[in-house]
Amino acid sequence: QVQLVESGGGSVQTGGSLKLSCTTSGGTFSIYTMAWFRQAPGKEREFVAAITWNTGTTFYADSVKGRFTTSRDNAKKTVYLEMNSLIPDDTAVYYCAAKPYAAFPVGAISQYTYWGQGTQVTVSS
């Protein structure tokens, strides 16, 4: 059984930075396209970033492009989301997700097989 565990969330002020980690167990990490989604109170879950399993190509939502960076370490079975220049609109629960082999479309929530429990990120003004 594949498990994903996020960590690194917290509270920061506008302009601050956080780095989220998502460590997997029970599966073959190198075959998973990994993604980050977030869900703010009263809003639907939305795509944030993804990194493909084969080429390591990264994709970002327009709202975070230039501020967030996702990366992966296959040896550590971990994916990261480095978040800089945080703003209050980034406040949400952040989830990592995995799907085997398939890369596209990276933002389709329904295609992801495995999900973490989420980690809270709060940005105050």
Protein backbone atom coordinates (compact mmCIF):
# COMPACT_ATOMS: atom_id res chain seq x y z
CA GLN A 1 0.00 0.00 0.00
CA VAL A 2 1.37 3.37 -1.03
CA GLN A 3 1.45 6.09 1.62
CA LEU A 4 2.27 9.76 1.21
CA VAL A 5 3.18 11.93 4.18
CA GLU A 6 3.52 15.71 3.89
CA SER A 7 5.47 17.91 6.25
CA GLY A 8 6.81 21.43 6.46
CA GLY A 9 3.63 23.45 6.71
CA GLY A 10 3.26 26.32 9.13
CA SER A 11 2.47 29.99 9.57
CA VAL A 12 4.44 32.79 7.96
CA GLN A 13 3.99 36.45 7.15
CA THR A 14 3.54 37.86 3.68
CA GLY A 15 6.79 37.58 1.77
CA GLY A 16 7.98 34.62 3.78
CA SER A 17 9.03 31.18 2.61
CA LEU A 18 8.24 27.57 3.41
CA LYS A 19 9.43 24.26 2.01
CA LEU A 20 7.04 21.33 1.98
CA SER A 21 8.15 17.73 1.73
CA CYS A 22 6.19 14.65 0.76
CA THR A 23 7.75 11.28 1.46
CA THR A 24 6.32 8.10 0.02
CA SER A 25 6.47 4.49 1.15
CA GLY A 26 5.16 1.20 -0.10
CA GLY A 27 5.59 1.82 -3.79
CA THR A 28 8.06 2.53 -6.58
CA PHE A 29 8.54 6.27 -6.29
CA SER A 30 10.41 6.64 -9.57
CA ILE A 31 7.36 5.68 -11.65
CA TYR A 32 5.06 8.28 -10.10
CA THR A 33 4.24 11.66 -11.50
CA MET A 34 4.02 13.74 -8.34
CA ALA A 35 1.84 16.78 -7.86
CA TRP A 36 0.85 19.36 -5.30
CA PHE A 37 -2.70 20.58 -4.85
CA ARG A 38 -4.19 22.96 -2.33
CA GLN A 39 -7.59 23.65 -0.88
CA ALA A 40 -8.57 26.86 0.83
CA PRO A 41 -11.63 27.07 3.11
CA GLY A 42 -14.82 27.13 1.06
CA LYS A 43 -12.98 26.55 -2.21
CA GLU A 44 -12.37 23.59 -4.44
CA ARG A 45 -9.06 21.77 -4.47
CA GLU A 46 -6.79 23.24 -7.12
CA PHE A 47 -3.62 22.27 -8.92
CA VAL A 48 -0.41 23.93 -7.76
CA ALA A 49 2.56 22.12 -9.30
CA ALA A 50 3.68 18.80 -10.72
CA ILE A 51 6.84 16.96 -11.73
CA THR A 52 6.72 14.09 -14.17
CA TRP A 53 8.05 10.63 -13.44
CA ASN A 54 10.21 10.14 -16.51
CA THR A 55 11.74 13.45 -17.58
CA GLY A 56 11.31 15.41 -14.37
CA THR A 57 9.56 18.19 -16.25
CA THR A 58 7.83 20.64 -13.96
CA PHE A 59 4.49 22.42 -14.36
CA TYR A 60 2.95 25.21 -12.32
CA ALA A 61 -0.33 26.97 -11.91
CA ASP A 62 -0.17 30.55 -13.15
CA SER A 63 -0.86 31.82 -9.64
CA VAL A 64 2.38 30.36 -8.28
CA LYS A 65 4.67 30.48 -11.31
CA GLY A 66 7.93 32.21 -10.48
CA ARG A 67 7.37 31.86 -6.72
CA PHE A 68 7.07 28.09 -6.16
CA THR A 69 9.48 25.35 -7.22
CA THR A 70 8.87 21.62 -7.11
CA SER A 71 11.62 19.01 -7.23
CA ARG A 72 12.08 15.35 -6.49
CA ASP A 73 14.71 13.07 -5.00
CA ASN A 74 14.06 9.54 -6.20
CA ALA A 75 16.65 8.08 -3.83
CA LYS A 76 14.81 9.59 -0.86
CA LYS A 77 11.38 8.91 -2.37
CA THR A 78 10.51 12.51 -1.65
CA VAL A 79 9.03 15.41 -3.56
CA TYR A 80 9.46 19.01 -2.44
CA LEU A 81 7.58 22.26 -2.88
CA GLU A 82 9.63 25.34 -2.14
CA MET A 83 7.37 28.35 -1.70
CA ASN A 84 8.74 31.88 -1.77
CA SER A 85 7.15 35.33 -1.69
CA LEU A 86 4.10 33.89 -0.01
CA ILE A 87 0.90 35.91 0.03
CA PRO A 88 -2.33 35.48 2.02
CA ASP A 89 -4.03 33.91 -1.01
CA ASP A 90 -1.60 30.99 -0.65
CA THR A 91 -3.26 30.04 2.64
CA ALA A 92 -4.64 26.52 2.26
CA VAL A 93 -4.16 22.88 3.10
CA TYR A 94 -1.54 21.53 0.72
CA TYR A 95 -1.74 17.96 -0.50
CA CYS A 96 0.73 15.87 -2.44
CA ALA A 97 -0.54 13.27 -4.86
CA ALA A 98 0.91 10.53 -7.03
CA LYS A 99 -0.08 8.66 -10.15
CA PRO A 100 1.93 5.86 -11.76
CA TYR A 101 3.51 6.37 -15.17
CA ALA A 102 0.95 8.75 -16.68
CA ALA A 103 2.07 12.34 -16.84
CA PHE A 104 -0.60 14.28 -18.68
CA PRO A 105 -2.78 16.04 -17.88
CA VAL A 106 -0.85 16.96 -14.75
CA GLY A 107 -3.66 19.02 -13.24
CA ALA A 108 -6.47 16.46 -13.37
CA ILE A 109 -7.33 15.67 -9.76
CA SER A 110 -9.30 12.53 -10.61
CA GLN A 111 -6.28 10.89 -12.23
CA TYR A 112 -4.18 10.82 -9.08
CA THR A 113 -4.28 7.50 -7.30
CA TYR A 114 -2.58 8.27 -4.02
CA TRP A 115 -2.95 11.26 -1.71
CA GLY A 116 -1.33 12.54 1.43
CA GLN A 117 -3.24 13.77 4.46
CA GLY A 118 -2.39 17.42 3.84
CA THR A 119 -0.40 20.07 5.65
CA GLN A 120 -1.66 23.52 6.61
CA VAL A 121 0.01 26.65 5.25
CA THR A 122 -1.13 29.96 6.68
CA VAL A 123 0.13 33.31 5.38
CA SER A 124 -0.75 36.41 7.37
CA SER A 125 -0.66 39.98 6.12
